Amino acid sequence: MKGIPVITVEGDCIARAWEMSLVELHRKGCDLKTEYDKPEDPPSKDATMIITITDPLKEPMIHKDFPGGPLELQEYVMEVCEGIKDHLVRNPEDPKDTRWEYTYHQRLF
């Protein structure tokens, strides 16, 4: 395989489409070491993922494997969309700082 694959998944609801995207990523994604992997870590999986949800308001909207409940989901949404945990990223100039390398909010915005 050359380059990062483009994978397309279609599902009737958010939860099923998300699950199918993980299965297809595992099957068809490329192995890739990232700057965040430790030498002993297995390679990460990478792909460009196109997910089509044909009925986005259909239940289940939240996958049963989502860790936590409604409060944790709200916190995650605020973390990704609003950056409420961006302050937890480590200072790259301080080798003793062991906090996060990045947040999803930083990567998206």
PDB file of N, CA and C in Angstrom:
ATOM      1  N   MET A   1       0.859  -1.175   0.000  1.00  0.00           N
ATOM      2  CA  MET A   1       0.000   0.000   0.000  1.00  0.00           C
ATOM      3  C   MET A   1       0.900   1.231   0.000  1.00  0.00           C
ATOM      4  N   LYS A   2       0.577   2.170  -0.847  1.00  0.00           N
ATOM      5  CA  LYS A   2       1.361   3.390  -0.939  1.00  0.00           C
ATOM      6  C   LYS A   2       0.530   4.558  -0.446  1.00  0.00           C
ATOM      7  N   GLY A   3       1.053   5.295   0.518  1.00  0.00           N
ATOM      8  CA  GLY A   3       0.328   6.443   1.038  1.00  0.00           C
ATOM      9  C   GLY A   3      -0.757   6.041   2.021  1.00  0.00           C
ATOM     10  N   ILE A   4      -1.512   7.047   2.421  1.00  0.00           N
ATOM     11  CA  ILE A   4      -2.593   6.828   3.385  1.00  0.00           C
ATOM     12  C   ILE A   4      -3.875   6.518   2.616  1.00  0.00           C
ATOM     13  N   PRO A   5      -4.544   5.393   2.923  1.00  0.00           N
ATOM     14  CA  PRO A   5      -5.743   5.024   2.169  1.00  0.00           C
ATOM     15  C   PRO A   5      -6.930   5.923   2.497  1.00  0.00           C
ATOM     16  N   VAL A   6      -7.853   5.993   1.555  1.00  0.00           N
ATOM     17  CA  VAL A   6      -9.133   6.672   1.760  1.00  0.00           C
ATOM     18  C   VAL A   6     -10.178   5.578   1.914  1.00  0.00           C
ATOM     19  N   ILE A   7     -10.859   5.594   3.053  1.00  0.00           N
ATOM     20  CA  ILE A   7     -11.847   4.560   3.374  1.00  0.00           C
ATOM     21  C   ILE A   7     -13.214   5.224   3.464  1.00  0.00           C
ATOM     22  N   THR A   8     -14.207   4.602   2.843  1.00  0.00           N
ATOM     23  CA  THR A   8     -15.572   5.121   2.857  1.00  0.00           C
ATOM     24  C   THR A   8     -16.470   4.135   3.597  1.00  0.00           C
ATOM     25  N   VAL A   9     -17.273   4.677   4.514  1.00  0.00           N
ATOM     26  CA  VAL A   9     -18.204   3.863   5.303  1.00  0.00           C
ATOM     27  C   VAL A   9     -19.558   4.554   5.286  1.00  0.00           C
ATOM     28  N   GLU A  10     -20.622   3.767   5.207  1.00  0.00           N
ATOM     29  CA  GLU A  10     -21.977   4.317   5.287  1.00  0.00           C
ATOM     30  C   GLU A  10     -22.763   3.531   6.322  1.00  0.00           C
ATOM     31  N   GLY A  11     -23.470   4.258   7.191  1.00  0.00           N
ATOM     32  CA  GLY A  11     -24.299   3.620   8.201  1.00  0.00           C
ATOM     33  C   GLY A  11     -25.588   4.380   8.389  1.00  0.00           C
ATOM     34  N   ASP A  12     -26.579   3.715   8.961  1.00  0.00           N
ATOM     35  CA  ASP A  12     -27.883   4.356   9.125  1.00  0.00           C
ATOM     36  C   ASP A  12     -27.916   5.315  10.313  1.00  0.00           C
ATOM     37  N   CYS A  13     -27.062   5.102  11.314  1.00  0.00           N
ATOM     38  CA  CYS A  13     -27.048   5.982  12.480  1.00  0.00           C
ATOM     39  C   CYS A  13     -25.601   6.243  12.892  1.00  0.00           C
ATOM     40  N   ILE A  14     -25.409   7.220  13.751  1.00  0.00           N
ATOM     41  CA  ILE A  14     -24.068   7.627  14.156  1.00  0.00           C
ATOM     42  C   ILE A  14     -23.304   6.474  14.794  1.00  0.00           C
ATOM     43  N   ALA A  15     -23.928   5.771  15.732  1.00  0.00           N
ATOM     44  CA  ALA A  15     -23.224   4.715  16.463  1.00  0.00           C
ATOM     45  C   ALA A  15     -22.765   3.592  15.538  1.00  0.00           C
ATOM     46  N   ARG A  16     -23.640   3.137  14.636  1.00  0.00           N
ATOM     47  CA  ARG A  16     -23.259   2.045  13.739  1.00  0.00           C
ATOM     48  C   ARG A  16     -22.202   2.494  12.737  1.00  0.00           C
ATOM     49  N   ALA A  17     -22.332   3.709  12.230  1.00  0.00           N
ATOM     50  CA  ALA A  17     -21.334   4.210  11.283  1.00  0.00           C
ATOM     51  C   ALA A  17     -19.971   4.340  11.958  1.00  0.00           C
ATOM     52  N   TRP A  18     -19.950   4.818  13.191  1.00  0.00           N
ATOM     53  CA  TRP A  18     -18.689   4.946  13.936  1.00  0.00           C
ATOM     54  C   TRP A  18     -18.050   3.569  14.139  1.00  0.00           C
ATOM     55  N   GLU A  19     -18.861   2.587  14.548  1.00  0.00           N
ATOM     56  CA  GLU A  19     -18.328   1.242  14.758  1.00  0.00           C
ATOM     57  C   GLU A  19     -17.779   0.658  13.461  1.00  0.00           C
ATOM     58  N   MET A  20     -18.523   0.829  12.369  1.00  0.00           N
ATOM     59  CA  MET A  20     -18.054   0.315  11.087  1.00  0.00           C
ATOM     60  C   MET A  20     -16.770   1.013  10.654  1.00  0.00           C
ATOM     61  N   SER A  21     -16.639   2.305  10.985  1.00  0.00           N
ATOM     62  CA  SER A  21     -15.417   3.021  10.607  1.00  0.00           C
ATOM     63  C   SER A  21     -14.203   2.449  11.338  1.00  0.00           C
ATOM     64  N   LEU A  22     -14.369   2.045  12.597  1.00  0.00           N
ATOM     65  CA  LEU A  22     -13.255   1.457  13.341  1.00  0.00           C
ATOM     66  C   LEU A  22     -12.866   0.093  12.773  1.00  0.00           C
ATOM     67  N   VAL A  23     -13.868  -0.701  12.401  1.00  0.00           N
ATOM     68  CA  VAL A  23     -13.601  -2.017  11.816  1.00  0.00           C
ATOM     69  C   VAL A  23     -12.835  -1.852  10.504  1.00  0.00           C
ATOM     70  N   GLU A  24     -13.302  -0.942   9.657  1.00  0.00           N
ATOM     71  CA  GLU A  24     -12.648  -0.728   8.363  1.00  0.00           C
ATOM     72  C   GLU A  24     -11.254  -0.124   8.528  1.00  0.00           C
ATOM     73  N   LEU A  25     -11.086   0.755   9.507  1.00  0.00           N
ATOM     74  CA  LEU A  25      -9.757   1.307   9.781  1.00  0.00           C
ATOM     75  C   LEU A  25      -8.800   0.184  10.165  1.00  0.00           C
ATOM     76  N   HIS A  26      -9.262  -0.727  11.007  1.00  0.00           N
ATOM     77  CA  HIS A  26      -8.419  -1.857  11.411  1.00  0.00           C
ATOM     78  C   HIS A  26      -8.077  -2.737  10.209  1.00  0.00           C
ATOM     79  N   ARG A  27      -9.054  -2.967   9.341  1.00  0.00           N
ATOM     80  CA  ARG A  27      -8.855  -3.842   8.183  1.00  0.00           C
ATOM     81  C   ARG A  27      -8.008  -3.197   7.086  1.00  0.00           C
ATOM     82  N   LYS A  28      -8.286  -1.917   6.790  1.00  0.00           N
ATOM     83  CA  LYS A  28      -7.716  -1.289   5.592  1.00  0.00           C
ATOM     84  C   LYS A  28      -6.757  -0.136   5.867  1.00  0.00           C
ATOM     85  N   GLY A  29      -6.674   0.290   7.127  1.00  0.00           N
ATOM     86  CA  GLY A  29      -5.796   1.414   7.436  1.00  0.00           C
ATOM     87  C   GLY A  29      -4.336   1.026   7.346  1.00  0.00           C
ATOM     88  N   CYS A  30      -3.487   2.016   7.143  1.00  0.00           N
ATOM     89  CA  CYS A  30      -2.056   1.727   7.072  1.00  0.00           C
ATOM     90  C   CYS A  30      -1.439   1.833   8.468  1.00  0.00           C
ATOM     91  N   ASP A  31      -0.392   1.069   8.687  1.00  0.00           N
ATOM     92  CA  ASP A  31       0.353   1.130   9.940  1.00  0.00           C
ATOM     93  C   ASP A  31       1.304   2.318   9.861  1.00  0.00           C
ATOM     94  N   LEU A  32       1.349   3.070  10.952  1.00  0.00           N
ATOM     95  CA  LEU A  32       2.130   4.298  10.930  1.00  0.00           C
ATOM     96  C   LEU A  32       2.644   4.596  12.328  1.00  0.00           C
ATOM     97  N   LYS A  33       3.929   4.792  12.455  1.00  0.00           N
ATOM     98  CA  LYS A  33       4.495   5.254  13.722  1.00  0.00           C
ATOM     99  C   LYS A  33       4.291   6.760  13.784  1.00  0.00           C
ATOM    100  N   THR A  34       3.883   7.252  14.936  1.00  0.00           N
ATOM    101  CA  THR A  34       3.675   8.690  15.084  1.00  0.00           C
ATOM    102  C   THR A  34       4.714   9.260  16.038  1.00  0.00           C
ATOM    103  N   GLU A  35       4.778  10.561  16.066  1.00  0.00           N
ATOM    104  CA  GLU A  35       5.717  11.222  16.970  1.00  0.00           C
ATOM    105  C   GLU A  35       5.347  10.997  18.432  1.00  0.00           C
ATOM    106  N   TYR A  36       4.133  10.542  18.690  1.00  0.00           N
ATOM    107  CA  TYR A  36       3.670  10.339  20.055  1.00  0.00           C
ATOM    108  C   TYR A  36       3.876   8.908  20.534  1.00  0.00           C
ATOM    109  N   ASP A  37       4.197   7.979  19.616  1.00  0.00           N
ATOM    110  CA  ASP A  37       4.413   6.586  19.989  1.00  0.00           C
ATOM    111  C   ASP A  37       5.748   6.426  20.701  1.00  0.00           C
ATOM    112  N   LYS A  38       5.739   5.588  21.725  1.00  0.00           N
ATOM    113  CA  LYS A  38       6.988   5.189  22.372  1.00  0.00           C
ATOM    114  C   LYS A  38       7.598   4.081  21.509  1.00  0.00           C
ATOM    115  N   PRO A  39       8.900   3.873  21.613  1.00  0.00           N
ATOM    116  CA  PRO A  39       9.536   2.839  20.769  1.00  0.00           C
ATOM    117  C   PRO A  39       8.888   1.459  20.908  1.00  0.00           C
ATOM    118  N   GLU A  40       8.382   1.138  22.094  1.00  0.00           N
ATOM    119  CA  GLU A  40       7.792  -0.189  22.301  1.00  0.00           C
ATOM    120  C   GLU A  40       6.318  -0.264  21.876  1.00  0.00           C
ATOM    121  N   ASP A  41       5.706   0.861  21.529  1.00  0.00           N
ATOM    122  CA  ASP A  41       4.305   0.870  21.101  1.00  0.00           C
ATOM    123  C   ASP A  41       4.160   0.258  19.714  1.00  0.00           C
ATOM    124  N   PRO A  42       3.048  -0.460  19.477  1.00  0.00           N
ATOM    125  CA  PRO A  42       2.788  -0.920  18.113  1.00  0.00           C
ATOM    126  C   PRO A  42       2.452   0.296  17.243  1.00  0.00           C
ATOM    127  N   PRO A  43       2.571   0.174  15.937  1.00  0.00           N
ATOM    128  CA  PRO A  43       2.231   1.316  15.089  1.00  0.00           C
ATOM    129  C   PRO A  43       0.751   1.668  15.199  1.00  0.00           C
ATOM    130  N   SER A  44       0.449   2.930  14.986  1.00  0.00           N
ATOM    131  CA  SER A  44      -0.935   3.394  14.955  1.00  0.00           C
ATOM    132  C   SER A  44      -1.538   3.029  13.602  1.00  0.00           C
ATOM    133  N   LYS A  45      -2.854   3.143  13.496  1.00  0.00           N
ATOM    134  CA  LYS A  45      -3.538   2.952  12.221  1.00  0.00           C
ATOM    135  C   LYS A  45      -3.943   4.321  11.712  1.00  0.00           C
ATOM    136  N   ASP A  46      -3.822   4.536  10.400  1.00  0.00           N
ATOM    137  CA  ASP A  46      -4.186   5.828   9.838  1.00  0.00           C
ATOM    138  C   ASP A  46      -4.928   5.631   8.529  1.00  0.00           C
ATOM    139  N   ALA A  47      -5.812   6.578   8.245  1.00  0.00           N
ATOM    140  CA  ALA A  47      -6.561   6.599   6.990  1.00  0.00           C
ATOM    141  C   ALA A  47      -7.301   7.923   6.916  1.00  0.00           C
ATOM    142  N   THR A  48      -7.663   8.307   5.724  1.00  0.00           N
ATOM    143  CA  THR A  48      -8.652   9.356   5.543  1.00  0.00           C
ATOM    144  C   THR A  48      -9.995   8.645   5.540  1.00  0.00           C
ATOM    145  N   MET A  49     -10.898   9.048   6.439  1.00  0.00           N
ATOM    146  CA  MET A  49     -12.156   8.329   6.605  1.00  0.00           C
ATOM    147  C   MET A  49     -13.314   9.219   6.166  1.00  0.00           C
ATOM    148  N   ILE A  50     -14.111   8.719   5.252  1.00  0.00           N
ATOM    149  CA  ILE A  50     -15.329   9.400   4.818  1.00  0.00           C
ATOM    150  C   ILE A  50     -16.503   8.601   5.376  1.00  0.00           C
ATOM    151  N   ILE A  51     -17.257   9.226   6.280  1.00  0.00           N
ATOM    152  CA  ILE A  51     -18.369   8.539   6.935  1.00  0.00           C
ATOM    153  C   ILE A  51     -19.666   9.224   6.518  1.00  0.00           C
ATOM    154  N   THR A  52     -20.577   8.452   5.951  1.00  0.00           N
ATOM    155  CA  THR A  52     -21.900   8.949   5.590  1.00  0.00           C
ATOM    156  C   THR A  52     -22.914   8.333   6.539  1.00  0.00           C
ATOM    157  N   ILE A  53     -23.713   9.187   7.151  1.00  0.00           N
ATOM    158  CA  ILE A  53     -24.763   8.732   8.062  1.00  0.00           C
ATOM    159  C   ILE A  53     -26.088   9.077   7.408  1.00  0.00           C
ATOM    160  N   THR A  54     -26.843   8.057   7.024  1.00  0.00           N
ATOM    161  CA  THR A  54     -28.051   8.284   6.230  1.00  0.00           C
ATOM    162  C   THR A  54     -29.221   8.817   7.048  1.00  0.00           C
ATOM    163  N   ASP A  55     -29.261   8.523   8.333  1.00  0.00           N
ATOM    164  CA  ASP A  55     -30.340   9.012   9.200  1.00  0.00           C
ATOM    165  C   ASP A  55     -29.723   9.463  10.531  1.00  0.00           C
ATOM    166  N   PRO A  56     -29.091  10.649  10.561  1.00  0.00           N
ATOM    167  CA  PRO A  56     -28.300  11.057  11.730  1.00  0.00           C
ATOM    168  C   PRO A  56     -29.088  11.228  13.025  1.00  0.00           C
ATOM    169  N   LEU A  57     -30.391  11.342  12.965  1.00  0.00           N
ATOM    170  CA  LEU A  57     -31.187  11.478  14.183  1.00  0.00           C
ATOM    171  C   LEU A  57     -31.708  10.137  14.694  1.00  0.00           C
ATOM    172  N   LYS A  58     -31.409   9.064  13.972  1.00  0.00           N
ATOM    173  CA  LYS A  58     -31.860   7.732  14.373  1.00  0.00           C
ATOM    174  C   LYS A  58     -31.040   7.252  15.566  1.00  0.00           C
ATOM    175  N   GLU A  59     -31.699   6.592  16.496  1.00  0.00           N
ATOM    176  CA  GLU A  59     -31.016   5.984  17.640  1.00  0.00           C
ATOM    177  C   GLU A  59     -30.441   4.635  17.228  1.00  0.00           C
ATOM    178  N   PRO A  60     -29.360   4.199  17.793  1.00  0.00           N
ATOM    179  CA  PRO A  60     -28.614   4.879  18.847  1.00  0.00           C
ATOM    180  C   PRO A  60     -27.684   5.942  18.267  1.00  0.00           C
ATOM    181  N   MET A  61     -27.680   7.079  18.930  1.00  0.00           N
ATOM    182  CA  MET A  61     -26.771   8.149  18.540  1.00  0.00           C
ATOM    183  C   MET A  61     -25.435   8.021  19.277  1.00  0.00           C
ATOM    184  N   ILE A  62     -25.465   7.377  20.429  1.00  0.00           N
ATOM    185  CA  ILE A  62     -24.257   7.172  21.223  1.00  0.00           C
ATOM    186  C   ILE A  62     -23.979   5.671  21.262  1.00  0.00           C
ATOM    187  N   HIS A  63     -22.782   5.281  20.913  1.00  0.00           N
ATOM    188  CA  HIS A  63     -22.414   3.872  20.888  1.00  0.00           C
ATOM    189  C   HIS A  63     -22.343   3.324  22.311  1.00  0.00           C
ATOM    190  N   LYS A  64     -22.741   2.074  22.475  1.00  0.00           N
ATOM    191  CA  LYS A  64     -22.742   1.473  23.814  1.00  0.00           C
ATOM    192  C   LYS A  64     -21.347   1.366  24.413  1.00  0.00           C
ATOM    193  N   ASP A  65     -20.315   1.418  23.593  1.00  0.00           N
ATOM    194  CA  ASP A  65     -18.947   1.364  24.105  1.00  0.00           C
ATOM    195  C   ASP A  65     -18.383   2.737  24.446  1.00  0.00           C
ATOM    196  N   PHE A  66     -19.196   3.794  24.358  1.00  0.00           N
ATOM    197  CA  PHE A  66     -18.712   5.108  24.791  1.00  0.00           C
ATOM    198  C   PHE A  66     -18.450   5.039  26.289  1.00  0.00           C
ATOM    199  N   PRO A  67     -17.235   5.375  26.717  1.00  0.00           N
ATOM    200  CA  PRO A  67     -16.950   5.267  28.151  1.00  0.00           C
ATOM    201  C   PRO A  67     -17.651   6.362  28.941  1.00  0.00           C
ATOM    202  N   GLY A  68     -18.463   5.969  29.899  1.00  0.00           N
ATOM    203  CA  GLY A  68     -19.155   6.940  30.737  1.00  0.00           C
ATOM    204  C   GLY A  68     -20.608   7.091  30.349  1.00  0.00           C
ATOM    205  N   GLY A  69     -21.177   8.199  30.781  1.00  0.00           N
ATOM    206  CA  GLY A  69     -22.573   8.485  30.526  1.00  0.00           C
ATOM    207  C   GLY A  69     -22.745   9.872  29.949  1.00  0.00           C
ATOM    208  N   PRO A  70     -23.932  10.442  30.088  1.00  0.00           N
ATOM    209  CA  PRO A  70     -24.213  11.758  29.495  1.00  0.00           C
ATOM    210  C   PRO A  70     -23.280  12.880  29.976  1.00  0.00           C
ATOM    211  N   LEU A  71     -22.903  12.867  31.238  1.00  0.00           N
ATOM    212  CA  LEU A  71     -22.005  13.918  31.736  1.00  0.00           C
ATOM    213  C   LEU A  71     -20.627  13.815  31.093  1.00  0.00           C
ATOM    214  N   GLU A  72     -20.112  12.603  30.965  1.00  0.00           N
ATOM    215  CA  GLU A  72     -18.815  12.406  30.327  1.00  0.00           C
ATOM    216  C   GLU A  72     -18.868  12.777  28.854  1.00  0.00           C
ATOM    217  N   LEU A  73     -19.986  12.485  28.206  1.00  0.00           N
ATOM    218  CA  LEU A  73     -20.140  12.861  26.807  1.00  0.00           C
ATOM    219  C   LEU A  73     -20.144  14.376  26.654  1.00  0.00           C
ATOM    220  N   GLN A  74     -20.854  15.080  27.528  1.00  0.00           N
ATOM    221  CA  GLN A  74     -20.878  16.541  27.468  1.00  0.00           C
ATOM    222  C   GLN A  74     -19.483  17.112  27.702  1.00  0.00           C
ATOM    223  N   GLU A  75     -18.754  16.538  28.642  1.00  0.00           N
ATOM    224  CA  GLU A  75     -17.382  16.995  28.895  1.00  0.00           C
ATOM    225  C   GLU A  75     -16.510  16.779  27.663  1.00  0.00           C
ATOM    226  N   TYR A  76     -16.662  15.630  27.014  1.00  0.00           N
ATOM    227  CA  TYR A  76     -15.881  15.336  25.806  1.00  0.00           C
ATOM    228  C   TYR A  76     -16.208  16.328  24.692  1.00  0.00           C
ATOM    229  N   VAL A  77     -17.485  16.625  24.499  1.00  0.00           N
ATOM    230  CA  VAL A  77     -17.891  17.602  23.478  1.00  0.00           C
ATOM    231  C   VAL A  77     -17.254  18.957  23.769  1.00  0.00           C
ATOM    232  N   MET A  78     -17.295  19.379  25.029  1.00  0.00           N
ATOM    233  CA  MET A  78     -16.702  20.668  25.395  1.00  0.00           C
ATOM    234  C   MET A  78     -15.176  20.641  25.251  1.00  0.00           C
ATOM    235  N   GLU A  79     -14.580  19.493  25.517  1.00  0.00           N
ATOM    236  CA  GLU A  79     -13.131  19.355  25.369  1.00  0.00           C
ATOM    237  C   GLU A  79     -12.720  19.516  23.905  1.00  0.00           C
ATOM    238  N   VAL A  80     -13.432  18.821  22.998  1.00  0.00           N
ATOM    239  CA  VAL A  80     -13.078  18.853  21.588  1.00  0.00           C
ATOM    240  C   VAL A  80     -13.480  20.172  20.932  1.00  0.00           C
ATOM    241  N   CYS A  81     -14.692  20.647  21.200  1.00  0.00           N
ATOM    242  CA  CYS A  81     -15.211  21.828  20.499  1.00  0.00           C
ATOM    243  C   CYS A  81     -14.777  23.152  21.115  1.00  0.00           C
ATOM    244  N   GLU A  82     -14.631  23.184  22.435  1.00  0.00           N
ATOM    245  CA  GLU A  82     -14.356  24.455  23.108  1.00  0.00           C
ATOM    246  C   GLU A  82     -12.969  24.529  23.744  1.00  0.00           C
ATOM    247  N   GLY A  83     -12.262  23.424  23.809  1.00  0.00           N
ATOM    248  CA  GLY A  83     -10.905  23.439  24.331  1.00  0.00           C
ATOM    249  C   GLY A  83     -10.792  23.595  25.830  1.00  0.00           C
ATOM    250  N   ILE A  84     -11.746  23.033  26.571  1.00  0.00           N
ATOM    251  CA  ILE A  84     -11.732  23.242  28.030  1.00  0.00           C
ATOM    252  C   ILE A  84     -10.548  22.568  28.717  1.00  0.00           C
ATOM    253  N   LYS A  85      -9.811  21.714  27.993  1.00  0.00           N
ATOM    254  CA  LYS A  85      -8.655  21.048  28.603  1.00  0.00           C
ATOM    255  C   LYS A  85      -7.333  21.404  27.912  1.00  0.00           C
ATOM    256  N   ASP A  86      -7.348  22.445  27.107  1.00  0.00           N
ATOM    257  CA  ASP A  86      -6.119  22.840  26.421  1.00  0.00           C
ATOM    258  C   ASP A  86      -5.014  23.223  27.407  1.00  0.00           C
ATOM    259  N   HIS A  87      -5.390  23.657  28.586  1.00  0.00           N
ATOM    260  CA  HIS A  87      -4.391  24.037  29.593  1.00  0.00           C
ATOM    261  C   HIS A  87      -3.637  22.835  30.158  1.00  0.00           C
ATOM    262  N   LEU A  88      -4.080  21.619  29.829  1.00  0.00           N
ATOM    263  CA  LEU A  88      -3.430  20.418  30.339  1.00  0.00           C
ATOM    264  C   LEU A  88      -2.307  19.912  29.431  1.00  0.00           C
ATOM    265  N   VAL A  89      -1.998  20.670  28.378  1.00  0.00           N
ATOM    266  CA  VAL A  89      -0.922  20.286  27.468  1.00  0.00           C
ATOM    267  C   VAL A  89       0.411  20.692  28.085  1.00  0.00           C
ATOM    268  N   ARG A  90       1.367  19.806  27.959  1.00  0.00           N
ATOM    269  CA  ARG A  90       2.670  20.030  28.589  1.00  0.00           C
ATOM    270  C   ARG A  90       3.429  21.173  27.928  1.00  0.00           C
ATOM    271  N   ASN A  91       4.353  21.709  28.686  1.00  0.00           N
ATOM    272  CA  ASN A  91       5.267  22.731  28.185  1.00  0.00           C
ATOM    273  C   ASN A  91       6.419  22.004  27.494  1.00  0.00           C
ATOM    274  N   PRO A  92       6.576  22.145  26.179  1.00  0.00           N
ATOM    275  CA  PRO A  92       7.627  21.396  25.476  1.00  0.00           C
ATOM    276  C   PRO A  92       9.046  21.781  25.906  1.00  0.00           C
ATOM    277  N   GLU A  93       9.177  22.919  26.556  1.00  0.00           N
ATOM    278  CA  GLU A  93      10.499  23.351  27.009  1.00  0.00           C
ATOM    279  C   GLU A  93      10.856  22.787  28.386  1.00  0.00           C
ATOM    280  N   ASP A  94       9.909  22.081  29.012  1.00  0.00           N
ATOM    281  CA  ASP A  94      10.139  21.516  30.335  1.00  0.00           C
ATOM    282  C   ASP A  94      10.149  19.988  30.239  1.00  0.00           C
ATOM    283  N   PRO A  95      11.335  19.360  30.241  1.00  0.00           N
ATOM    284  CA  PRO A  95      11.392  17.901  30.081  1.00  0.00           C
ATOM    285  C   PRO A  95      10.752  17.133  31.235  1.00  0.00           C
ATOM    286  N   LYS A  96      10.525  17.784  32.354  1.00  0.00           N
ATOM    287  CA  LYS A  96       9.897  17.115  33.493  1.00  0.00           C
ATOM    288  C   LYS A  96       8.374  17.168  33.437  1.00  0.00           C
ATOM    289  N   ASP A  97       7.841  17.967  32.537  1.00  0.00           N
ATOM    290  CA  ASP A  97       6.387  18.112  32.388  1.00  0.00           C
ATOM    291  C   ASP A  97       5.858  16.885  31.659  1.00  0.00           C
ATOM    292  N   THR A  98       5.016  16.099  32.307  1.00  0.00           N
ATOM    293  CA  THR A  98       4.527  14.845  31.735  1.00  0.00           C
ATOM    294  C   THR A  98       3.052  14.906  31.352  1.00  0.00           C
ATOM    295  N   ARG A  99       2.518  16.114  31.221  1.00  0.00           N
ATOM    296  CA  ARG A  99       1.111  16.221  30.823  1.00  0.00           C
ATOM    297  C   ARG A  99       0.949  15.829  29.349  1.00  0.00           C
ATOM    298  N   TRP A 100      -0.252  16.021  28.807  1.00  0.00           N
ATOM    299  CA  TRP A 100      -0.572  15.616  27.437  1.00  0.00           C
ATOM    300  C   TRP A 100       0.323  16.319  26.422  1.00  0.00           C
ATOM    301  N   GLU A 101       0.535  15.643  25.298  1.00  0.00           N
ATOM    302  CA  GLU A 101       1.282  16.221  24.182  1.00  0.00           C
ATOM    303  C   GLU A 101       0.413  17.223  23.397  1.00  0.00           C
ATOM    304  N   TYR A 102      -0.876  16.968  23.325  1.00  0.00           N
ATOM    305  CA  TYR A 102      -1.801  17.793  22.543  1.00  0.00           C
ATOM    306  C   TYR A 102      -3.219  17.478  22.990  1.00  0.00           C
ATOM    307  N   THR A 103      -4.173  18.290  22.540  1.00  0.00           N
ATOM    308  CA  THR A 103      -5.590  17.959  22.698  1.00  0.00           C
ATOM    309  C   THR A 103      -6.204  17.870  21.298  1.00  0.00           C
ATOM    310  N   TYR A 104      -7.340  17.182  21.198  1.00  0.00           N
ATOM    311  CA  TYR A 104      -8.031  17.118  19.908  1.00  0.00           C
ATOM    312  C   TYR A 104      -8.488  18.509  19.493  1.00  0.00           C
ATOM    313  N   HIS A 105      -8.857  19.330  20.444  1.00  0.00           N
ATOM    314  CA  HIS A 105      -9.265  20.706  20.132  1.00  0.00           C
ATOM    315  C   HIS A 105      -8.134  21.447  19.439  1.00  0.00           C
ATOM    316  N   GLN A 106      -6.921  21.327  19.960  1.00  0.00           N
ATOM    317  CA  GLN A 106      -5.780  21.993  19.332  1.00  0.00           C
ATOM    318  C   GLN A 106      -5.573  21.469  17.920  1.00  0.00           C
ATOM    319  N   ARG A 107      -5.695  20.177  17.732  1.00  0.00           N
ATOM    320  CA  ARG A 107      -5.483  19.614  16.386  1.00  0.00           C
ATOM    321  C   ARG A 107      -6.553  20.073  15.403  1.00  0.00           C
ATOM    322  N   LEU A 108      -7.776  20.195  15.872  1.00  0.00           N
ATOM    323  CA  LEU A 108      -8.859  20.599  14.970  1.00  0.00           C
ATOM    324  C   LEU A 108      -8.842  22.081  14.641  1.00  0.00           C
ATOM    325  N   PHE A 109      -8.484  22.893  15.637  1.00  0.00           N
ATOM    326  CA  PHE A 109      -8.607  24.332  15.445  1.00  0.00           C
ATOM    327  C   PHE A 109      -7.265  25.016  15.411  1.00  0.00           C
TER     328      PHE A 109
END
